[in-house]
Amino acid sequence: MQLDETRAVVTGGASGLGAATSEYLRQRGAQVTILDRDPKGRNFARGIGAGFIETDVIDEASVTRAIEGAVEEMGAINACVNCAGIVTGEKTIGRDGPHGLESFRRTIEINLIGSFNVLRLAAAEMARNEGEERGVIINTASVAAFDGQAGQAAYAASKAAIAGMTLPIARDLARNGIRVMTIAPGIFATPMMRSLPPEVQESLAAEVTYPKRLGDPGEFARMVGTIIESGYLNGEVIRLDGALRMH
C-alpha cells in the first residue's frame, strides 16, 4: 500500500505520537481523520489538513459514528492507527492501601478495550474494500509490556495484552486481506515527557543502549509509514526503543 493511497483513522491523533503520525501521513499524501476525545484537537487537525471527529474510544456508539464519519469524509478506510491511551502509576500496595480497582479497570478499558473497539469496527469497514490487500491495523503497545516497572501493573498489563492479541487478530483477519501490527515504543520525547525536569529526561535517556537519547516522535511516525508500505509485515510486535531494557 502506498502512503498517497492511504486513508487512515488515527486515534489520539492530536497529541504526542498520534499527532506526529497524523502529520507525517498527511505530508506523504495520505488522507487522515483524527479520532480524539479532546475537542481542541480540531485546530491541530485543521492545521495539517486532516479531518477530525470527537471520539470516545471506549464507547461503542461513539466509535461507530466516528468510523462512519471517516468513511463519509475519505470515501473509505484502509489504515487504522491506535495511539489513544493513558499512562498510570500506582503500586500494588501503596501508602494508602491496595491498588485501586477502578484505576486498574480504567487503564485496561482505555488502553486495551478502546484499541480493540476501534480496530474491530475499522476492520469491518476495511473488509468491504476491494483488492487483495484491503487494510492494515497498527496498534501501540510499549516496552512496559515486557519490562514493566514498579507501579506499572495496570499499564504494563494493558500493553502486554495489546502485544499478545497482535498475532491472533492477524490470523483472524487474514481471510479479509487485513494486516495487523504493533509498535512497542520505548521512551519518547512527547510533550508530556518534555514537561519533566531536564535532569529526569537525561536520566531516562541514559538508560537507552544506543543512541543514548529519547526517541523522536517522528521516528515512530516513520515506522507507521514503513509498516503501511511493507505488505509482508504482519502479526508482529516491533520494539522501537534503542535496545532499551528497563531495569
Protein backbone atom coordinates (compact mmCIF):
# COMPACT_ATOMS: atom_id res chain seq x y z
CA MET A 1 0.00 0.00 0.00
CA GLN A 2 1.38 3.40 -0.96
CA LEU A 3 1.09 6.27 1.51
CA ASP A 4 -0.55 8.53 -1.05
CA GLU A 5 -3.27 5.87 -1.43
CA THR A 6 -3.78 5.57 2.33
CA ARG A 7 -6.97 6.66 4.05
CA ALA A 8 -6.26 6.41 7.74
CA VAL A 9 -8.01 6.92 11.04
CA VAL A 10 -5.63 7.77 13.90
CA THR A 11 -6.88 7.58 17.48
CA GLY A 12 -5.26 10.00 19.90
CA GLY A 13 -4.08 11.65 16.72
CA ALA A 14 -4.00 15.22 18.01
CA SER A 15 -1.21 14.82 20.57
CA GLY A 16 2.05 13.00 21.21
CA LEU A 17 2.90 10.05 19.00
CA GLY A 18 -0.52 10.20 17.38
CA ALA A 19 -0.03 13.81 16.31
CA ALA A 20 3.38 13.02 14.83
CA THR A 21 1.81 10.12 12.94
CA SER A 22 -1.11 12.17 11.63
CA GLU A 23 1.19 14.93 10.43
CA TYR A 24 3.67 12.53 8.79
CA LEU A 25 0.95 10.68 6.90
CA ARG A 26 -0.55 13.93 5.66
CA GLN A 27 2.88 15.12 4.49
CA ARG A 28 3.20 11.91 2.46
CA GLY A 29 -0.12 12.42 0.74
CA ALA A 30 -2.37 10.21 2.87
CA GLN A 31 -5.89 11.21 3.82
CA VAL A 32 -6.25 11.25 7.62
CA THR A 33 -9.17 11.50 10.01
CA ILE A 34 -8.18 12.07 13.63
CA LEU A 35 -10.33 10.43 16.30
CA ASP A 36 -9.65 12.16 19.60
CA ARG A 37 -11.55 12.84 22.80
CA ASP A 38 -10.21 16.38 23.17
CA PRO A 39 -12.21 18.83 21.01
CA LYS A 40 -9.16 21.14 20.97
CA GLY A 41 -7.62 18.63 18.59
CA ARG A 42 -9.81 20.06 15.86
CA ASN A 43 -7.44 23.03 15.50
CA PHE A 44 -4.44 20.74 15.08
CA ALA A 45 -6.30 18.65 12.51
CA ARG A 46 -7.29 21.76 10.56
CA GLY A 47 -3.67 22.93 10.59
CA ILE A 48 -2.36 19.76 8.92
CA GLY A 49 -5.31 19.32 6.58
CA ALA A 50 -6.80 16.32 8.36
CA GLY A 51 -10.37 15.57 9.35
CA PHE A 52 -11.40 15.45 13.00
CA ILE A 53 -14.14 13.57 14.83
CA GLU A 54 -14.51 13.87 18.59
CA THR A 55 -14.46 10.26 19.77
CA ASP A 56 -14.51 8.28 23.00
CA VAL A 57 -12.69 5.04 22.13
CA ILE A 58 -14.37 3.02 24.87
CA ASP A 59 -17.87 3.96 23.74
CA GLU A 60 -19.22 1.68 21.00
CA ALA A 61 -21.74 4.19 19.67
CA SER A 62 -19.14 6.97 19.59
CA VAL A 63 -16.64 4.85 17.63
CA THR A 64 -19.35 3.57 15.28
CA ARG A 65 -20.29 7.16 14.45
CA ALA A 66 -16.62 8.08 14.03
CA ILE A 67 -15.90 5.25 11.61
CA GLU A 68 -18.99 6.10 9.59
CA GLY A 69 -17.97 9.76 9.58
CA ALA A 70 -14.43 8.93 8.48
CA VAL A 71 -15.74 6.85 5.59
CA GLU A 72 -18.01 9.70 4.60
CA GLU A 73 -15.07 12.14 4.67
CA MET A 74 -12.47 9.97 2.92
CA GLY A 75 -14.57 7.56 0.88
CA ALA A 76 -13.10 4.51 2.63
CA ILE A 77 -10.69 3.39 5.36
CA ASN A 78 -7.65 1.23 4.65
CA ALA A 79 -5.47 2.05 7.66
CA CYS A 80 -6.17 2.30 11.38
CA VAL A 81 -3.52 3.53 13.82
CA ASN A 82 -4.36 3.24 17.53
CA CYS A 83 -2.40 5.76 19.59
CA ALA A 84 -5.03 6.72 22.18
CA GLY A 85 -4.13 5.69 25.71
CA ILE A 86 -3.30 6.76 29.24
CA VAL A 87 -0.29 6.23 31.50
CA THR A 88 -0.89 5.40 35.14
CA GLY A 89 1.41 4.76 38.07
CA GLU A 90 0.23 3.02 41.23
CA LYS A 91 1.82 0.42 43.47
CA THR A 92 0.03 -2.87 44.14
CA ILE A 93 0.20 -1.96 47.83
CA GLY A 94 0.81 1.73 48.43
CA ARG A 95 0.82 4.09 51.36
CA ASP A 96 -2.96 4.33 51.23
CA GLY A 97 -3.60 0.60 50.84
CA PRO A 98 -4.07 -1.72 47.88
CA HIS A 99 -4.10 -0.61 44.25
CA GLY A 100 -7.43 0.95 43.35
CA LEU A 101 -9.57 -1.45 41.34
CA GLU A 102 -11.24 1.36 39.42
CA SER A 103 -7.93 2.87 38.28
CA PHE A 104 -6.74 -0.57 37.13
CA ARG A 105 -10.01 -1.16 35.29
CA ARG A 106 -9.93 2.26 33.62
CA THR A 107 -6.38 1.73 32.34
CA ILE A 108 -7.33 -1.61 30.82
CA GLU A 109 -10.54 -0.18 29.42
CA ILE A 110 -8.95 2.77 27.62
CA ASN A 111 -5.65 1.22 26.50
CA LEU A 112 -6.77 -2.30 25.64
CA ILE A 113 -10.54 -2.37 25.19
CA GLY A 114 -10.51 1.03 23.49
CA SER A 115 -7.91 -0.15 20.96
CA PHE A 116 -9.86 -3.33 20.27
CA ASN A 117 -13.14 -1.44 19.99
CA VAL A 118 -11.73 0.82 17.29
CA LEU A 119 -9.84 -1.86 15.37
CA ARG A 120 -12.78 -4.28 15.20
CA LEU A 121 -15.09 -1.62 13.76
CA ALA A 122 -12.40 -0.30 11.41
CA ALA A 123 -11.65 -3.86 10.26
CA ALA A 124 -15.31 -4.48 9.47
CA GLU A 125 -15.23 -1.41 7.24
CA MET A 126 -11.90 -2.38 5.62
CA ALA A 127 -13.28 -5.81 4.77
CA ARG A 128 -15.63 -4.07 2.32
CA ASN A 129 -12.71 -2.69 0.32
CA GLU A 130 -11.79 -4.25 -2.99
CA GLY A 131 -8.46 -5.87 -3.88
CA GLU A 132 -6.13 -8.37 -2.26
CA GLU A 133 -4.81 -6.10 0.50
CA ARG A 134 -7.76 -4.28 1.99
CA GLY A 135 -6.20 -2.66 5.02
CA VAL A 136 -3.66 -2.51 7.81
CA ILE A 137 -4.13 -2.01 11.55
CA ILE A 138 -1.29 -0.69 13.72
CA ASN A 139 -1.62 -0.75 17.49
CA THR A 140 0.61 0.92 20.08
CA ALA A 141 1.99 -1.16 22.94
CA SER A 142 5.06 -0.19 24.98
CA VAL A 143 8.31 -1.68 26.22
CA ALA A 144 6.42 -1.81 29.53
CA ALA A 145 4.66 -4.83 28.03
CA PHE A 146 7.94 -6.70 28.52
CA ASP A 147 9.88 -4.67 31.11
CA GLY A 148 7.17 -3.19 33.30
CA GLN A 149 8.40 -1.01 36.14
CA ALA A 150 7.28 -0.84 39.75
CA GLY A 151 3.93 0.93 39.86
CA GLN A 152 3.08 -0.10 36.30
CA ALA A 153 0.92 -3.17 36.90
CA ALA A 154 -2.13 -1.72 35.13
CA TYR A 155 -0.23 -0.02 32.33
CA ALA A 156 2.05 -2.99 31.68
CA ALA A 157 -0.90 -5.39 31.69
CA SER A 158 -2.78 -3.28 29.14
CA LYS A 159 0.22 -3.04 26.82
CA ALA A 160 1.16 -6.72 27.19
CA ALA A 161 -2.38 -7.61 26.16
CA ILE A 162 -2.09 -5.43 23.05
CA ALA A 163 1.14 -7.23 22.13
CA GLY A 164 -0.47 -10.59 22.87
CA MET A 165 -3.52 -10.05 20.67
CA THR A 166 -1.48 -9.00 17.63
CA LEU A 167 -0.92 -12.45 16.14
CA PRO A 168 -4.37 -13.94 16.79
CA ILE A 169 -6.09 -10.90 15.27
CA ALA A 170 -3.73 -11.04 12.28
CA ARG A 171 -4.75 -14.67 11.83
CA ASP A 172 -8.41 -13.78 12.21
CA LEU A 173 -8.26 -11.05 9.59
CA ALA A 174 -6.01 -12.82 7.07
CA ARG A 175 -9.05 -14.06 5.15
CA ASN A 176 -10.18 -10.43 4.84
CA GLY A 177 -6.85 -9.20 3.45
CA ILE A 178 -6.10 -7.10 6.54
CA ARG A 179 -2.68 -6.99 8.22
CA VAL A 180 -2.20 -6.33 11.94
CA MET A 181 0.99 -4.97 13.51
CA THR A 182 2.02 -3.48 16.84
CA ILE A 183 4.75 -0.98 17.70
CA ALA A 184 6.19 -1.09 21.22
CA PRO A 185 7.90 2.28 21.72
CA GLY A 186 10.47 3.00 24.38
CA ILE A 187 10.94 6.41 25.96
CA PHE A 188 9.89 9.11 23.51
CA ALA A 189 10.15 12.88 23.67
CA THR A 190 6.44 13.57 23.69
CA PRO A 191 5.15 16.87 25.14
CA MET A 192 4.36 15.03 28.39
CA MET A 193 7.92 13.72 28.64
CA ARG A 194 9.39 17.13 27.74
CA SER A 195 7.47 18.64 30.66
CA LEU A 196 9.69 16.71 33.09
CA PRO A 197 12.78 18.39 34.56
CA PRO A 198 15.85 18.18 32.26
CA GLU A 199 17.75 16.03 34.75
CA VAL A 200 14.94 13.47 34.74
CA GLN A 201 14.93 13.36 30.95
CA GLU A 202 18.71 12.92 30.91
CA SER A 203 18.47 10.09 33.44
CA LEU A 204 15.89 8.29 31.31
CA ALA A 205 17.94 8.79 28.13
CA ALA A 206 20.98 7.29 29.86
CA GLU A 207 19.06 4.00 30.22
CA VAL A 208 18.90 3.60 26.43
CA THR A 209 21.58 1.30 25.00
CA TYR A 210 22.14 3.30 21.79
CA PRO A 211 21.59 6.01 20.80
CA LYS A 212 21.50 7.49 24.29
CA ARG A 213 18.63 9.86 23.81
CA LEU A 214 14.85 9.96 23.93
CA GLY A 215 13.05 8.76 20.84
CA ASP A 216 11.78 11.35 18.38
CA PRO A 217 8.01 11.07 17.74
CA GLY A 218 8.86 11.43 14.06
CA GLU A 219 10.67 8.09 14.26
CA PHE A 220 7.50 6.44 15.50
CA ALA A 221 5.56 8.07 12.66
CA ARG A 222 8.05 6.85 10.07
CA MET A 223 7.74 3.33 11.44
CA VAL A 224 3.99 3.56 10.93
CA GLY A 225 4.65 4.60 7.35
CA THR A 226 7.06 1.70 6.83
CA ILE A 227 4.50 -0.79 8.10
CA ILE A 228 1.82 0.60 5.82
CA GLU A 229 4.10 0.35 2.79
CA SER A 230 5.65 -3.06 3.62
CA GLY A 231 3.00 -5.60 2.70
CA TYR A 232 4.88 -8.57 4.15
CA LEU A 233 4.91 -7.17 7.69
CA ASN A 234 2.11 -8.88 9.59
CA GLY A 235 1.37 -10.32 13.01
CA GLU A 236 4.49 -8.91 14.66
CA VAL A 237 5.42 -6.58 17.52
CA ILE A 238 8.28 -4.19 16.75
CA ARG A 239 10.24 -2.75 19.67
CA LEU A 240 11.22 0.80 18.77
CA ASP A 241 13.43 1.61 21.74
CA GLY A 242 17.16 1.91 21.01
CA ALA A 243 17.65 -1.54 22.60
CA LEU A 244 16.32 -0.22 25.91
CA ARG A 245 15.78 -2.90 28.54
CA MET A 246 14.30 -1.33 31.64
CA HIS A 247 15.85 -2.47 34.91
